[in-house]
Protein backbone atom coordinates (compact mmCIF):
# COMPACT_ATOMS: atom_id res chain seq x y z
CA MET A 1 3.50 20.62 4.49
CA GLY A 2 6.83 19.45 5.70
CA ARG A 3 7.75 15.56 5.92
CA ARG A 4 7.57 15.86 9.72
CA GLY A 5 4.42 17.89 9.86
CA PHE A 6 2.87 15.38 7.48
CA LEU A 7 3.78 12.46 9.98
CA LYS A 8 2.66 14.34 12.88
CA VAL A 9 -0.71 14.75 11.35
CA ALA A 10 -0.70 11.01 9.71
CA THR A 11 0.10 9.51 13.04
CA ALA A 12 -2.41 11.49 14.97
CA SER A 13 -5.15 10.67 12.45
CA ALA A 14 -4.56 6.68 12.81
CA GLY A 15 -6.03 7.12 16.14
CA VAL A 16 -9.47 7.96 14.96
CA ALA A 17 -12.16 5.87 15.88
CA VAL A 18 -14.04 4.17 12.74
CA LEU A 19 -16.27 0.89 12.23
CA PRO A 20 -14.16 -2.27 12.98
CA PRO A 21 -13.63 -4.57 10.07
CA ALA A 22 -16.64 -6.46 11.18
CA ALA A 23 -19.07 -3.97 10.44
CA GLY A 24 -17.01 -3.64 6.93
CA GLN A 25 -18.95 -4.04 3.43
CA VAL A 26 -16.26 -5.89 1.74
CA GLN A 27 -15.89 -9.47 2.77
CA VAL A 28 -12.34 -10.83 3.21
CA GLY A 29 -10.81 -13.90 4.78
CA PRO A 30 -8.85 -14.00 8.09
CA PRO A 31 -4.92 -13.41 7.89
CA SER A 32 -2.94 -16.22 7.62
CA SER A 33 -1.67 -17.39 10.78
CA LEU A 34 1.33 -18.27 8.85
CA ARG A 35 2.83 -14.58 9.06
CA LYS A 36 3.45 -15.13 12.93
CA LEU A 37 6.58 -17.03 11.54
CA VAL A 38 7.75 -13.63 10.72
CA PRO A 39 7.97 -11.01 13.74
CA ALA A 40 6.01 -7.81 12.90
CA PRO A 41 8.69 -5.38 14.32
CA GLN A 42 11.81 -6.88 12.61
CA LEU A 43 9.98 -6.82 9.26
CA GLU A 44 8.80 -3.33 9.92
CA ALA A 45 12.14 -1.98 10.84
CA ALA A 46 13.75 -3.53 7.60
CA ALA A 47 11.16 -1.92 5.70
CA ALA A 48 11.62 1.52 6.82
CA GLN A 49 15.40 0.90 6.46
CA GLN A 50 15.14 -0.15 2.59
CA TYR A 51 12.70 2.62 2.22
CA ALA A 52 15.13 5.20 3.57
CA GLN A 53 17.70 3.66 1.24
CA LEU A 54 15.29 4.35 -1.94
CA LEU A 55 15.03 7.81 -0.66
CA ALA A 56 18.58 8.42 -0.28
CA GLN A 57 19.10 7.19 -3.83
CA ALA A 58 16.43 9.16 -5.41
CA ARG A 59 17.64 12.19 -3.73
CA ALA A 60 21.65 11.49 -4.64
CA LYS A 61 19.96 11.40 -8.41
CA GLY A 62 17.62 14.58 -7.74
CA ALA A 63 14.68 12.49 -8.38
CA LEU A 64 12.91 13.16 -4.86
CA ALA A 65 10.15 15.77 -5.27
CA PRO A 66 10.30 18.40 -2.65
CA ASP A 67 7.84 18.91 0.07
CA ASP A 68 6.07 21.53 -2.10
CA HIS A 69 5.92 19.77 -5.16
CA PRO A 70 2.19 19.88 -6.43
CA GLN A 71 1.96 16.22 -7.34
CA LEU A 72 3.42 15.04 -3.71
CA ARG A 73 0.99 17.58 -1.79
CA ARG A 74 -1.89 15.94 -3.28
CA LEU A 75 -0.97 12.66 -2.32
CA ARG A 76 -0.02 13.55 0.84
CA ALA A 77 -3.67 14.78 1.08
CA ILE A 78 -4.94 11.86 0.13
CA ALA A 79 -3.13 9.91 2.72
CA GLN A 80 -4.48 11.84 5.29
CA ARG A 81 -7.83 11.13 4.57
CA LEU A 82 -7.47 7.54 3.92
CA ILE A 83 -5.00 6.92 7.13
CA PRO A 84 -8.06 7.34 9.60
CA HIS A 85 -9.91 4.53 8.38
CA ALA A 86 -6.87 2.15 8.24
CA LEU A 87 -6.63 1.49 12.08
CA PRO A 88 -9.45 -1.14 12.28
CA TRP A 89 -7.75 -3.17 9.76
CA ASN A 90 -4.70 -3.52 11.72
CA GLU A 91 -4.21 -2.65 15.33
CA ARG A 92 -0.20 -2.38 14.59
CA ALA A 93 -1.15 0.84 12.35
CA ARG A 94 -1.37 2.71 15.67
CA GLN A 95 2.31 2.67 16.04
CA TRP A 96 3.29 3.27 12.36
CA ARG A 97 4.88 6.59 11.14
CA TRP A 98 3.33 7.10 7.96
CA GLU A 99 5.58 8.52 5.01
CA VAL A 100 4.53 9.54 1.58
CA HIS A 101 7.19 10.36 -1.19
CA LEU A 102 6.90 11.04 -4.87
CA ILE A 103 10.04 9.68 -6.77
CA GLY A 104 10.64 10.92 -10.57
CA SER A 105 10.64 8.11 -12.81
CA GLN A 106 8.87 7.14 -15.60
CA GLN A 107 8.22 3.74 -14.48
CA ILE A 108 4.44 3.04 -13.54
CA ASN A 109 4.64 2.15 -10.21
CA ALA A 110 3.55 2.62 -6.26
CA PHE A 111 3.90 0.52 -3.05
CA CYS A 112 3.09 0.82 0.20
CA MET A 113 5.92 -1.00 2.54
CA PRO A 114 5.14 -2.65 5.99
CA GLY A 115 4.84 0.08 8.74
CA GLY A 116 3.11 2.45 6.30
CA LYS A 117 5.95 3.35 4.14
CA ILE A 118 4.62 4.76 0.79
CA ALA A 119 6.03 5.64 -2.68
CA PHE A 120 4.67 6.69 -5.82
CA PHE A 121 6.71 7.07 -9.11
CA THR A 122 5.75 10.12 -11.30
CA GLY A 123 5.18 7.61 -14.43
CA ILE A 124 1.90 6.30 -12.67
CA LEU A 125 0.28 9.85 -12.21
CA ASP A 126 1.56 10.99 -15.65
CA GLN A 127 1.18 8.24 -17.92
CA LEU A 128 -2.06 7.29 -16.55
CA LYS A 129 -3.25 10.72 -16.14
CA LEU A 130 -4.77 9.45 -12.84
CA GLY A 131 -7.18 11.62 -11.49
CA GLU A 132 -7.38 12.22 -7.79
CA ASP A 133 -9.96 9.70 -6.88
CA GLU A 134 -7.68 7.12 -9.10
CA ALA A 135 -4.89 8.00 -7.08
CA ALA A 136 -6.43 7.26 -3.99
CA MET A 137 -7.81 3.96 -5.46
CA VAL A 138 -3.89 3.17 -6.08
CA MET A 139 -3.30 4.48 -2.43
CA GLY A 140 -5.82 2.27 -0.72
CA HIS A 141 -5.15 -0.73 -2.30
CA GLU A 142 -1.23 -0.42 -1.44
CA MET A 143 -2.10 0.32 2.07
CA ALA A 144 -4.28 -2.60 2.02
CA HIS A 145 -1.44 -4.72 1.26
CA ALA A 146 0.37 -3.45 4.48
CA LEU A 147 -2.74 -3.21 6.54
CA ARG A 148 -3.58 -6.82 5.53
CA GLU A 149 0.62 -7.93 6.16
CA HIS A 150 0.46 -9.67 2.79
CA ALA A 151 4.35 -9.07 2.58
CA ARG A 152 4.48 -10.76 5.99
CA GLU A 153 2.73 -13.66 4.89
CA ARG A 154 4.86 -13.99 1.38
CA ILE A 155 7.88 -14.44 3.37
CA ALA A 156 6.46 -16.69 5.95
CA LYS A 157 5.27 -19.04 3.12
CA THR A 158 8.74 -19.06 1.59
CA GLN A 159 10.48 -19.71 5.07
CA ALA A 160 7.89 -22.60 5.59
CA THR A 161 8.58 -24.39 2.04
CA GLY A 162 12.24 -24.43 3.33
CA LEU A 163 13.48 -21.87 0.92
CA GLY A 164 14.38 -19.45 3.62
CA LEU A 165 15.67 -21.39 6.36
CA SER A 166 18.76 -19.22 6.93
CA LEU A 167 16.35 -15.96 7.01
CA GLY A 168 14.46 -17.65 9.41
CA ALA A 169 16.99 -18.09 11.72
CA GLN A 170 17.85 -14.62 11.53
CA LEU A 171 14.12 -13.55 12.38
CA LEU A 172 14.64 -15.94 15.39
CA GLY A 173 17.53 -13.77 16.62
CA LEU A 174 19.92 -16.11 15.56
CA GLY A 175 21.62 -13.81 12.94
CA ASP A 176 22.87 -10.06 12.20
CA LEU A 177 20.34 -7.48 12.04
CA GLY A 178 22.03 -5.49 9.57
CA ARG A 179 22.05 -8.60 7.48
CA LEU A 180 18.19 -8.85 8.08
CA ALA A 181 17.34 -5.83 6.80
CA ALA A 182 19.34 -5.88 3.80
CA ASP A 183 17.85 -9.60 3.22
CA LEU A 184 14.03 -8.69 3.78
CA GLY A 185 14.23 -5.27 2.38
CA THR A 186 15.40 -6.70 -0.90
CA GLN A 187 12.32 -9.23 -0.83
CA LEU A 188 9.96 -6.48 -0.16
CA LEU A 189 10.71 -4.57 -3.22
CA SER A 190 10.49 -7.25 -5.47
CA LEU A 191 7.74 -9.33 -3.74
CA LYS A 192 4.63 -10.73 -6.26
CA PHE A 193 1.92 -11.08 -3.85
CA SER A 194 -0.89 -14.02 -4.98
CA ARG A 195 -3.95 -13.13 -6.85
CA GLU A 196 -5.70 -13.79 -3.74
CA ASP A 197 -3.66 -10.92 -2.04
CA GLU A 198 -4.57 -8.88 -4.69
CA THR A 199 -8.35 -9.40 -4.47
CA GLU A 200 -7.94 -8.81 -1.17
CA ALA A 201 -6.25 -5.66 -1.42
CA ASP A 202 -8.29 -4.18 -3.93
CA LEU A 203 -11.60 -4.75 -1.64
CA VAL A 204 -10.07 -3.30 1.55
CA GLY A 205 -8.81 -0.59 -0.55
CA LEU A 206 -12.18 0.09 -2.26
CA GLU A 207 -13.87 0.55 1.29
CA LEU A 208 -10.82 2.57 2.58
CA ALA A 209 -11.05 4.92 -0.10
CA ALA A 210 -14.94 5.10 -0.18
CA ARG A 211 -14.98 5.75 3.72
CA ALA A 212 -12.36 8.53 2.64
CA ALA A 213 -15.40 10.15 0.31
CA TYR A 214 -13.59 9.11 -2.88
CA ASP A 215 -15.70 7.69 -5.45
CA PRO A 216 -15.49 3.69 -5.84
CA ARG A 217 -16.39 3.82 -9.32
CA ALA A 218 -12.67 5.09 -10.04
CA SER A 219 -11.55 1.86 -9.23
CA VAL A 220 -12.65 0.49 -12.41
CA SER A 221 -11.77 3.36 -14.56
CA LEU A 222 -8.13 3.20 -13.10
CA TRP A 223 -7.92 -0.69 -13.86
CA ARG A 224 -9.21 -0.27 -17.45
CA LYS A 225 -6.53 2.40 -17.96
CA MET A 226 -3.96 -0.03 -16.90
CA ALA A 227 -5.57 -2.78 -19.48
CA GLN A 228 -5.22 -0.52 -22.15
CA ILE A 229 -1.37 0.07 -21.56
CA SER A 230 -0.56 -3.35 -20.40
CA GLY A 231 1.22 -4.10 -23.50
CA ASN A 232 3.64 -1.57 -23.23
CA ASN A 233 7.16 -1.59 -21.55
CA GLY A 234 8.38 -0.51 -17.98
CA LEU A 235 4.95 -1.59 -16.15
CA GLU A 236 6.48 -2.50 -12.82
CA PHE A 237 3.27 -2.03 -11.42
CA LEU A 238 1.70 -4.55 -13.47
CA SER A 239 4.04 -7.08 -13.17
CA THR A 240 3.28 -7.87 -9.54
CA HIS A 241 -0.48 -6.10 -10.26
CA PRO A 242 -1.85 -7.91 -13.27
CA SER A 243 -4.79 -6.37 -14.80
CA GLY A 244 -7.57 -8.29 -16.47
CA PRO A 245 -11.72 -8.55 -17.22
CA SER A 246 -11.70 -10.46 -14.13
CA ARG A 247 -10.31 -8.10 -11.63
CA ILE A 248 -12.82 -5.42 -13.24
CA ARG A 249 -15.74 -7.47 -12.42
CA ASP A 250 -14.64 -7.98 -8.93
CA LEU A 251 -14.43 -4.53 -8.36
CA GLU A 252 -17.88 -3.61 -10.14
CA ALA A 253 -19.64 -6.48 -7.80
CA ASN A 254 -18.26 -4.86 -4.84
CA ILE A 255 -18.63 -1.11 -5.76
CA PRO A 256 -22.52 -1.28 -4.40
CA LYS A 257 -21.23 -2.63 -1.38
CA VAL A 258 -19.43 0.72 -0.50
CA GLU A 259 -21.49 3.21 -2.19
CA GLU A 260 -23.38 4.28 0.92
CA LEU A 261 -20.13 4.55 2.72
CA TYR A 262 -18.89 7.13 -0.34
CA GLU A 263 -22.02 8.99 0.14
CA GLN A 264 -22.35 9.36 3.95
CA ALA A 265 -18.66 10.10 3.42
CA ARG A 266 -19.35 12.58 0.91
CA ARG A 267 -22.20 14.24 2.59
CA ALA A 268 -20.10 14.65 5.78
CA GLY A 269 -17.30 16.64 3.66
């Protein structure tokens, strides 16, 4: 399916009615009120611009996978199953133009920028030998970061401490929009989330995947693979997503909460 076709299907899927977060099986806290310091539309516009620049750079190097690439087709199929369950976690997701792209690189990395811009690097698929359920856990986790607006919160907290006053002025409409997009884009690609954000993304991603009929036990096998190679070089993903026994224990404790969702979704086909 071409990129435009994927976007059309994905955007339509985002309007499917599903259970609201209050009926969710995992427990997460309310979003930080600090995120209101950063207007979501500007942040999403900046993310879209940075994403487009990244794709252009990859295309120029011959590293951007074509629409018929088998791994990209698999990733887009996973996204189409996950996206219908995203809306209850963030009403803004109704307006997002979801995109999924694959970049040829040995880096073990994947991300979802604000506004639903998803990218996987071939390294995370090949070096970890991810099965479909494990790839869905990675994507669900990254989507959860975007849905829970962790980037927006991180940037807002930076502003609140006085380290981003010039950025704050731009966000209030006092600066150049192009410079704002560049500054925000740079932050978005190097942003490190807190341990609390990571735990929340793990749990929300776990439920997204379970509702889409992906085996929640794959979350544990995924992070065990991450732990096994954590001493190697080039693990950009692990620099912002540290692995460890506590992370695996948290996931194991929450798998029983979503198993029935998984079984229901699997029986429904």
